[in-house]
Amino acid sequence: MTQAIEICPTTTLGKVKEGALIVDVRSKSEVKNVTFDVPNYLNIPIEEFEERYSEILKDQEIVMVCLSGERSLRTTYFLMNVGYKNVYNMRNGIIKWASKGFPIKGDVSNIVLTESCGCSQSKCH
């Protein structure tokens, strides 16, 4: 099986600026508290993902996201298995995104912020 490509929030922000779609697999209640403030955004909670993934167009770049990057990694592999080619997982989720000061809506105090995304690329820290 092909390995999923994981990217950091800095790379994700660049892809969003180029038109990539962020697909957030967090629950509706999580999204209600704090979410990504980006133009191309779709929330499909992980528990609805198998029924709704066809809402995601195959011909666009897709970045899967969640709170910490674990649930989104599972859905990244799911999409790869059903034929999606331009799909990435954002490591460390909205926790790292918010800690970097990237655009969000809502109350950041509802999530725990961390200092390091574990990314080896110097531009990610």
Foldseek 3Di string as FASTA:
>chain_A
DDAAAEDALVVVVVLLVVPEAEEEQDDPVVVVAKDADGDRYHYHHLVRCVVPVVVDDLPGAYEYAYQAQPSSSVVQVVCVVVPRDRYHYHGGGVLACVVVVHGMDHDPVVHHHDDDSPDPDPVRD
